[in-house]
Amino acid sequence: MVIGPNGEQMGIKSLEDAKTIANFAGLDLVLMNGNSVPAVGKIMDYNKYRYEKQKKQKDALKKQRETNKELKEYRLSVKIDVHDFDTRCKNASDYLSRGHKVKASIHFRGREIAHPELGREVLEKFADKLSEVSIVETNIKQEGRNMFIILAPKK
């Protein structure tokens, strides 16, 4: 079964006849479905077909990435220095401005676990610093030796 370049059915042809027709049109004969009876071949520009197929796949991937926004984790500590804190805030605000979520977490080491209020202060300071570009999605939670907060971008 041969399908023409404009989508019209040309009927059942032999392989040599189909190749001759495609060659005369300056196009390629592409086997679309070899498992059916009779096999289906289409006369088309194969390079153009491949290019459009790749373009559709790229667009689908792009749309998939847009719907699946990522969650970036920033690890802080109770004894974080001012410059390190400011750097992490700056990076997080850039990430939030791109529409992604941010998770700030603190892992308590050794005896730091005895003073969870210090970790809470650091996370609250982090959220306050990013309050103009984000909203708090999940309040501060502690799970074992970890404490975290999740920030989402403002609409």
N, C-alpha and C. Protein backbone atom coordinates (compact mmCIF):
# COMPACT_ATOMS: atom_id res chain seq x y z
N MET A 1 0.86 -1.17 0.00
CA MET A 1 0.00 0.00 0.00
C MET A 1 0.91 1.23 0.00
N VAL A 2 0.69 2.13 -0.92
CA VAL A 2 1.52 3.33 -1.05
C VAL A 2 0.67 4.56 -0.77
N ILE A 3 1.21 5.45 0.07
CA ILE A 3 0.55 6.72 0.37
C ILE A 3 1.39 7.81 -0.25
N GLY A 4 0.75 8.71 -0.98
CA GLY A 4 1.45 9.76 -1.71
C GLY A 4 1.97 10.86 -0.81
N PRO A 5 2.70 11.82 -1.38
CA PRO A 5 3.29 12.90 -0.59
C PRO A 5 2.26 13.84 0.03
N ASN A 6 1.05 13.92 -0.53
CA ASN A 6 0.01 14.80 0.02
C ASN A 6 -0.98 14.04 0.89
N GLY A 7 -0.70 12.76 1.16
CA GLY A 7 -1.55 11.96 2.03
C GLY A 7 -2.59 11.15 1.27
N GLU A 8 -2.62 11.23 -0.05
CA GLU A 8 -3.60 10.47 -0.82
C GLU A 8 -3.13 9.03 -0.98
N GLN A 9 -4.08 8.10 -0.99
CA GLN A 9 -3.73 6.69 -1.15
C GLN A 9 -3.58 6.39 -2.64
N MET A 10 -2.45 5.79 -2.97
CA MET A 10 -2.16 5.49 -4.37
C MET A 10 -2.46 4.03 -4.69
N GLY A 11 -2.88 3.28 -3.69
CA GLY A 11 -3.23 1.88 -3.91
C GLY A 11 -2.06 0.95 -3.64
N ILE A 12 -2.27 -0.31 -3.96
CA ILE A 12 -1.25 -1.33 -3.74
C ILE A 12 -0.34 -1.38 -4.96
N LYS A 13 0.95 -1.18 -4.74
CA LYS A 13 1.94 -1.16 -5.82
C LYS A 13 3.07 -2.12 -5.46
N SER A 14 3.82 -2.51 -6.44
CA SER A 14 5.01 -3.32 -6.18
C SER A 14 6.11 -2.40 -5.64
N LEU A 15 7.11 -2.99 -5.02
CA LEU A 15 8.19 -2.22 -4.42
C LEU A 15 8.93 -1.39 -5.46
N GLU A 16 9.18 -2.00 -6.63
CA GLU A 16 9.90 -1.28 -7.69
C GLU A 16 9.10 -0.08 -8.19
N ASP A 17 7.77 -0.28 -8.37
CA ASP A 17 6.92 0.82 -8.84
C ASP A 17 6.89 1.97 -7.82
N ALA A 18 6.81 1.61 -6.51
CA ALA A 18 6.77 2.63 -5.46
C ALA A 18 8.08 3.41 -5.42
N LYS A 19 9.21 2.69 -5.58
CA LYS A 19 10.51 3.37 -5.60
C LYS A 19 10.63 4.30 -6.80
N THR A 20 10.12 3.87 -7.93
CA THR A 20 10.17 4.69 -9.15
C THR A 20 9.34 5.96 -8.97
N ILE A 21 8.15 5.83 -8.41
CA ILE A 21 7.28 6.99 -8.18
C ILE A 21 7.97 7.97 -7.22
N ALA A 22 8.55 7.45 -6.13
CA ALA A 22 9.23 8.31 -5.14
C ALA A 22 10.44 8.98 -5.77
N ASN A 23 11.21 8.26 -6.56
CA ASN A 23 12.38 8.80 -7.22
C ASN A 23 11.98 9.89 -8.21
N PHE A 24 10.89 9.66 -8.94
CA PHE A 24 10.41 10.65 -9.91
C PHE A 24 9.98 11.95 -9.21
N ALA A 25 9.40 11.82 -8.00
CA ALA A 25 8.97 13.00 -7.23
C ALA A 25 10.13 13.65 -6.49
N GLY A 26 11.29 12.99 -6.46
CA GLY A 26 12.45 13.53 -5.76
C GLY A 26 12.33 13.37 -4.25
N LEU A 27 11.58 12.37 -3.81
CA LEU A 27 11.36 12.12 -2.39
C LEU A 27 11.81 10.71 -2.04
N ASP A 28 11.59 10.33 -0.78
CA ASP A 28 12.00 9.01 -0.30
C ASP A 28 10.77 8.14 -0.07
N LEU A 29 10.95 6.84 -0.21
CA LEU A 29 9.91 5.88 0.12
C LEU A 29 10.22 5.34 1.51
N VAL A 30 9.33 5.61 2.47
CA VAL A 30 9.56 5.24 3.86
C VAL A 30 8.54 4.19 4.28
N LEU A 31 9.03 3.10 4.85
CA LEU A 31 8.15 2.04 5.34
C LEU A 31 7.54 2.50 6.66
N MET A 32 6.24 2.72 6.67
CA MET A 32 5.56 3.22 7.87
C MET A 32 5.12 2.07 8.78
N ASN A 33 4.58 1.01 8.18
CA ASN A 33 4.12 -0.13 8.97
C ASN A 33 4.41 -1.40 8.17
N GLY A 34 5.45 -2.10 8.55
CA GLY A 34 5.84 -3.31 7.84
C GLY A 34 5.11 -4.55 8.30
N ASN A 35 4.45 -4.48 9.45
CA ASN A 35 3.79 -5.66 10.01
C ASN A 35 2.41 -5.89 9.45
N SER A 36 1.77 -4.85 8.89
CA SER A 36 0.41 -5.00 8.39
C SER A 36 0.42 -5.70 7.04
N VAL A 37 -0.75 -6.18 6.64
CA VAL A 37 -0.88 -6.82 5.33
C VAL A 37 -1.87 -6.01 4.54
N PRO A 38 -1.53 -5.36 3.49
CA PRO A 38 -0.20 -5.21 2.92
C PRO A 38 0.61 -4.17 3.70
N ALA A 39 1.94 -4.20 3.53
CA ALA A 39 2.83 -3.24 4.21
C ALA A 39 2.53 -1.84 3.69
N VAL A 40 2.64 -0.86 4.60
CA VAL A 40 2.32 0.53 4.24
C VAL A 40 3.60 1.32 4.09
N GLY A 41 3.77 1.97 2.93
CA GLY A 41 4.91 2.83 2.67
C GLY A 41 4.42 4.20 2.29
N LYS A 42 5.15 5.22 2.68
CA LYS A 42 4.74 6.60 2.38
C LYS A 42 5.85 7.31 1.62
N ILE A 43 5.45 8.09 0.64
CA ILE A 43 6.40 8.88 -0.12
C ILE A 43 6.52 10.23 0.57
N MET A 44 7.74 10.55 1.05
CA MET A 44 7.94 11.80 1.80
C MET A 44 9.41 12.17 1.80
N ASP A 45 9.69 13.39 2.28
CA ASP A 45 11.07 13.83 2.49
C ASP A 45 11.47 13.33 3.88
N TYR A 46 12.31 12.30 3.93
CA TYR A 46 12.63 11.65 5.20
C TYR A 46 13.39 12.55 6.15
N ASN A 47 14.30 13.37 5.63
CA ASN A 47 15.06 14.27 6.50
C ASN A 47 14.15 15.27 7.18
N LYS A 48 13.18 15.80 6.45
CA LYS A 48 12.21 16.75 7.02
C LYS A 48 11.36 16.05 8.09
N TYR A 49 10.95 14.82 7.79
CA TYR A 49 10.16 14.03 8.75
C TYR A 49 10.93 13.80 10.05
N ARG A 50 12.22 13.43 9.91
CA ARG A 50 13.05 13.20 11.09
C ARG A 50 13.24 14.47 11.90
N TYR A 51 13.46 15.58 11.20
CA TYR A 51 13.65 16.87 11.87
C TYR A 51 12.41 17.26 12.66
N GLU A 52 11.23 17.14 12.07
CA GLU A 52 9.98 17.49 12.76
C GLU A 52 9.71 16.57 13.94
N LYS A 53 10.07 15.30 13.79
CA LYS A 53 9.89 14.35 14.89
C LYS A 53 10.78 14.73 16.08
N GLN A 54 12.05 15.07 15.80
CA GLN A 54 12.96 15.50 16.87
C GLN A 54 12.47 16.78 17.52
N LYS A 55 11.94 17.70 16.73
CA LYS A 55 11.42 18.96 17.25
C LYS A 55 10.25 18.73 18.20
N LYS A 56 9.35 17.81 17.84
CA LYS A 56 8.21 17.48 18.70
C LYS A 56 8.68 16.86 20.01
N GLN A 57 9.69 15.98 19.94
CA GLN A 57 10.22 15.37 21.16
C GLN A 57 10.84 16.41 22.08
N LYS A 58 11.57 17.38 21.49
CA LYS A 58 12.19 18.45 22.26
C LYS A 58 11.14 19.30 22.96
N ASP A 59 10.07 19.64 22.23
CA ASP A 59 9.00 20.45 22.81
C ASP A 59 8.30 19.70 23.95
N ALA A 60 8.09 18.39 23.76
CA ALA A 60 7.45 17.58 24.80
C ALA A 60 8.31 17.55 26.06
N LEU A 61 9.64 17.40 25.88
CA LEU A 61 10.55 17.41 27.03
C LEU A 61 10.53 18.76 27.74
N LYS A 62 10.49 19.83 26.95
CA LYS A 62 10.47 21.17 27.52
C LYS A 62 9.22 21.39 28.36
N LYS A 63 8.07 20.97 27.84
CA LYS A 63 6.81 21.11 28.58
C LYS A 63 6.82 20.25 29.83
N GLN A 64 7.43 19.06 29.74
CA GLN A 64 7.50 18.18 30.90
C GLN A 64 8.35 18.80 31.99
N ARG A 65 9.46 19.45 31.59
CA ARG A 65 10.33 20.11 32.57
C ARG A 65 9.62 21.28 33.24
N GLU A 66 8.80 22.00 32.47
CA GLU A 66 8.08 23.14 33.03
C GLU A 66 7.07 22.71 34.07
N THR A 67 6.42 21.56 33.84
CA THR A 67 5.42 21.11 34.80
C THR A 67 6.05 20.50 36.03
N ASN A 68 7.21 19.89 35.89
CA ASN A 68 7.88 19.28 37.03
C ASN A 68 8.95 20.23 37.57
N LYS A 69 8.53 21.18 38.35
CA LYS A 69 9.49 22.10 38.95
C LYS A 69 10.29 21.36 40.00
N GLU A 70 11.53 21.73 40.10
CA GLU A 70 12.44 21.00 40.98
C GLU A 70 12.45 21.58 42.40
N LEU A 71 12.94 20.79 43.34
CA LEU A 71 13.12 21.21 44.72
C LEU A 71 14.61 21.20 45.00
N LYS A 72 15.17 22.36 45.28
CA LYS A 72 16.60 22.49 45.55
C LYS A 72 16.79 22.56 47.05
N GLU A 73 17.75 21.81 47.58
CA GLU A 73 18.00 21.81 49.02
C GLU A 73 19.27 22.58 49.33
N TYR A 74 19.16 23.49 50.30
CA TYR A 74 20.31 24.24 50.80
C TYR A 74 20.55 23.81 52.23
N ARG A 75 21.75 23.31 52.51
CA ARG A 75 22.09 22.84 53.84
C ARG A 75 22.79 23.95 54.60
N LEU A 76 22.20 24.29 55.71
CA LEU A 76 22.75 25.31 56.59
C LEU A 76 23.24 24.62 57.86
N SER A 77 23.93 25.38 58.71
CA SER A 77 24.33 24.83 60.00
C SER A 77 24.03 25.87 61.07
N VAL A 78 24.04 25.43 62.30
CA VAL A 78 23.76 26.33 63.42
C VAL A 78 24.84 27.41 63.50
N LYS A 79 26.07 27.05 63.18
CA LYS A 79 27.19 27.98 63.30
C LYS A 79 27.59 28.58 61.96
N ILE A 80 26.61 28.82 61.06
CA ILE A 80 26.93 29.32 59.73
C ILE A 80 27.43 30.76 59.80
N ASP A 81 28.42 31.07 58.99
CA ASP A 81 29.01 32.41 58.95
C ASP A 81 28.11 33.34 58.13
N VAL A 82 28.22 34.63 58.35
CA VAL A 82 27.36 35.62 57.70
C VAL A 82 27.51 35.58 56.18
N HIS A 83 28.76 35.52 55.71
CA HIS A 83 28.99 35.52 54.27
C HIS A 83 28.42 34.26 53.61
N ASP A 84 28.63 33.11 54.23
CA ASP A 84 28.08 31.86 53.70
C ASP A 84 26.56 31.92 53.66
N PHE A 85 25.97 32.47 54.71
CA PHE A 85 24.52 32.59 54.79
C PHE A 85 24.00 33.50 53.66
N ASP A 86 24.67 34.63 53.45
CA ASP A 86 24.24 35.56 52.41
C ASP A 86 24.38 34.93 51.02
N THR A 87 25.44 34.17 50.80
CA THR A 87 25.63 33.49 49.52
C THR A 87 24.52 32.49 49.25
N ARG A 88 24.17 31.72 50.26
CA ARG A 88 23.10 30.73 50.10
C ARG A 88 21.76 31.43 49.86
N CYS A 89 21.53 32.55 50.54
CA CYS A 89 20.28 33.31 50.33
C CYS A 89 20.21 33.84 48.89
N LYS A 90 21.32 34.34 48.40
CA LYS A 90 21.36 34.89 47.04
C LYS A 90 21.09 33.78 46.01
N ASN A 91 21.74 32.63 46.18
CA ASN A 91 21.52 31.51 45.26
C ASN A 91 20.08 31.02 45.33
N ALA A 92 19.53 30.94 46.53
CA ALA A 92 18.16 30.48 46.70
C ALA A 92 17.18 31.45 46.06
N SER A 93 17.42 32.77 46.18
CA SER A 93 16.50 33.73 45.57
C SER A 93 16.55 33.64 44.04
N ASP A 94 17.74 33.38 43.47
CA ASP A 94 17.83 33.17 42.03
C ASP A 94 17.02 31.94 41.61
N TYR A 95 17.15 30.89 42.39
CA TYR A 95 16.43 29.65 42.09
C TYR A 95 14.93 29.84 42.23
N LEU A 96 14.50 30.57 43.25
CA LEU A 96 13.07 30.85 43.45
C LEU A 96 12.52 31.72 42.32
N SER A 97 13.32 32.66 41.84
CA SER A 97 12.85 33.54 40.77
C SER A 97 12.63 32.77 39.47
N ARG A 98 13.28 31.61 39.32
CA ARG A 98 13.06 30.77 38.14
C ARG A 98 11.83 29.88 38.30
N GLY A 99 11.16 29.96 39.46
CA GLY A 99 9.92 29.22 39.66
C GLY A 99 10.07 27.89 40.37
N HIS A 100 11.23 27.59 40.92
CA HIS A 100 11.44 26.33 41.62
C HIS A 100 11.24 26.52 43.12
N LYS A 101 11.10 25.39 43.83
CA LYS A 101 10.96 25.44 45.28
C LYS A 101 12.33 25.27 45.93
N VAL A 102 12.43 25.73 47.17
CA VAL A 102 13.69 25.65 47.91
C VAL A 102 13.42 25.01 49.27
N LYS A 103 14.31 24.08 49.64
CA LYS A 103 14.24 23.45 50.96
C LYS A 103 15.53 23.81 51.69
N ALA A 104 15.37 24.48 52.83
CA ALA A 104 16.53 24.82 53.66
C ALA A 104 16.53 23.84 54.83
N SER A 105 17.66 23.19 55.05
CA SER A 105 17.71 22.21 56.13
C SER A 105 18.96 22.41 56.98
N ILE A 106 18.82 22.00 58.23
CA ILE A 106 19.93 22.04 59.18
C ILE A 106 20.08 20.65 59.77
N HIS A 107 21.31 20.15 59.76
CA HIS A 107 21.62 18.88 60.40
C HIS A 107 22.39 19.18 61.69
N PHE A 108 21.82 18.79 62.81
CA PHE A 108 22.46 19.04 64.10
C PHE A 108 23.55 18.00 64.34
N ARG A 109 24.75 18.47 64.65
CA ARG A 109 25.87 17.58 64.91
C ARG A 109 26.19 17.59 66.41
N GLY A 110 26.48 16.44 66.92
CA GLY A 110 26.93 16.33 68.31
C GLY A 110 25.94 16.91 69.31
N ARG A 111 26.43 17.85 70.12
CA ARG A 111 25.61 18.43 71.18
C ARG A 111 24.71 19.56 70.69
N GLU A 112 24.78 19.91 69.40
CA GLU A 112 23.91 20.96 68.87
C GLU A 112 22.44 20.60 69.01
N ILE A 113 22.14 19.31 69.06
CA ILE A 113 20.76 18.85 69.17
C ILE A 113 20.11 19.32 70.48
N ALA A 114 20.94 19.66 71.47
CA ALA A 114 20.41 20.14 72.75
C ALA A 114 19.83 21.55 72.64
N HIS A 115 20.17 22.26 71.55
CA HIS A 115 19.68 23.63 71.36
C HIS A 115 19.00 23.79 70.00
N PRO A 116 17.82 23.18 69.82
CA PRO A 116 17.13 23.29 68.53
C PRO A 116 16.66 24.71 68.22
N GLU A 117 16.55 25.55 69.27
CA GLU A 117 16.10 26.93 69.03
C GLU A 117 17.12 27.71 68.19
N LEU A 118 18.40 27.35 68.27
CA LEU A 118 19.42 28.01 67.44
C LEU A 118 19.20 27.69 65.96
N GLY A 119 18.88 26.45 65.67
CA GLY A 119 18.58 26.05 64.29
C GLY A 119 17.31 26.71 63.78
N ARG A 120 16.31 26.80 64.66
CA ARG A 120 15.05 27.44 64.29
C ARG A 120 15.29 28.91 63.93
N GLU A 121 16.16 29.59 64.70
CA GLU A 121 16.47 30.99 64.42
C GLU A 121 17.12 31.15 63.04
N VAL A 122 18.04 30.24 62.70
CA VAL A 122 18.71 30.32 61.40
C VAL A 122 17.69 30.13 60.27
N LEU A 123 16.80 29.16 60.42
CA LEU A 123 15.79 28.92 59.37
C LEU A 123 14.81 30.08 59.26
N GLU A 124 14.41 30.66 60.40
CA GLU A 124 13.51 31.81 60.36
C GLU A 124 14.19 33.00 59.69
N LYS A 125 15.46 33.19 59.98
CA LYS A 125 16.23 34.27 59.36
C LYS A 125 16.32 34.05 57.84
N PHE A 126 16.53 32.80 57.44
CA PHE A 126 16.59 32.44 56.02
C PHE A 126 15.26 32.76 55.33
N ALA A 127 14.15 32.37 55.97
CA ALA A 127 12.82 32.63 55.39
C ALA A 127 12.52 34.12 55.34
N ASP A 128 12.92 34.86 56.38
CA ASP A 128 12.69 36.31 56.39
C ASP A 128 13.48 37.00 55.28
N LYS A 129 14.71 36.56 55.08
CA LYS A 129 15.56 37.18 54.06
C LYS A 129 14.99 36.96 52.66
N LEU A 130 14.30 35.83 52.46
CA LEU A 130 13.72 35.50 51.16
C LEU A 130 12.23 35.80 51.08
N SER A 131 11.69 36.53 52.05
CA SER A 131 10.25 36.74 52.11
C SER A 131 9.69 37.55 50.93
N GLU A 132 10.53 38.39 50.29
CA GLU A 132 10.01 39.17 49.18
C GLU A 132 9.87 38.37 47.89
N VAL A 133 10.56 37.24 47.77
CA VAL A 133 10.44 36.41 46.56
C VAL A 133 9.78 35.06 46.83
N SER A 134 9.48 34.75 48.10
CA SER A 134 8.93 33.44 48.40
C SER A 134 7.88 33.50 49.50
N ILE A 135 7.14 32.40 49.58
CA ILE A 135 6.20 32.19 50.68
C ILE A 135 6.57 30.86 51.34
N VAL A 136 6.22 30.72 52.60
CA VAL A 136 6.53 29.49 53.33
C VAL A 136 5.48 28.45 52.97
N GLU A 137 5.91 27.37 52.35
CA GLU A 137 4.98 26.31 51.97
C GLU A 137 4.82 25.31 53.12
N THR A 138 5.93 24.93 53.75
CA THR A 138 5.90 24.02 54.89
C THR A 138 6.65 24.70 56.03
N ASN A 139 5.98 24.86 57.15
CA ASN A 139 6.62 25.49 58.30
C ASN A 139 7.79 24.64 58.80
N ILE A 140 8.54 25.20 59.72
CA ILE A 140 9.73 24.52 60.24
C ILE A 140 9.32 23.23 60.94
N LYS A 141 9.95 22.13 60.49
CA LYS A 141 9.69 20.81 61.08
C LYS A 141 11.01 20.19 61.48
N GLN A 142 10.96 19.40 62.55
CA GLN A 142 12.16 18.69 62.99
C GLN A 142 11.89 17.20 62.92
N GLU A 143 12.81 16.49 62.29
CA GLU A 143 12.74 15.03 62.22
C GLU A 143 14.09 14.48 62.66
N GLY A 144 14.15 14.01 63.87
CA GLY A 144 15.41 13.49 64.40
C GLY A 144 16.43 14.60 64.54
N ARG A 145 17.58 14.46 63.88
CA ARG A 145 18.64 15.46 63.95
C ARG A 145 18.54 16.49 62.83
N ASN A 146 17.49 16.43 62.03
CA ASN A 146 17.31 17.37 60.92
C ASN A 146 16.14 18.30 61.18
N MET A 147 16.29 19.54 60.76
CA MET A 147 15.22 20.52 60.83
C MET A 147 15.17 21.19 59.46
N PHE A 148 13.95 21.38 58.92
CA PHE A 148 13.87 21.95 57.58
C PHE A 148 12.65 22.84 57.42
N ILE A 149 12.69 23.64 56.35
CA ILE A 149 11.59 24.51 55.95
C ILE A 149 11.56 24.48 54.42
N ILE A 150 10.36 24.52 53.84
CA ILE A 150 10.23 24.54 52.38
C ILE A 150 9.60 25.86 51.95
N LEU A 151 10.26 26.52 51.00
CA LEU A 151 9.79 27.81 50.49
C LEU A 151 9.38 27.64 49.03
N ALA A 152 8.27 28.27 48.66
CA ALA A 152 7.79 28.24 47.28
C ALA A 152 7.82 29.66 46.73
N PRO A 153 7.99 29.80 45.42
CA PRO A 153 8.04 31.16 44.85
C PRO A 153 6.68 31.85 44.90
N LYS A 154 6.70 33.17 45.02
CA LYS A 154 5.46 33.94 44.98
C LYS A 154 4.96 33.94 43.56
N LYS A 155 3.65 33.94 43.41
CA LYS A 155 3.04 33.94 42.08
C LYS A 155 3.16 35.33 41.47
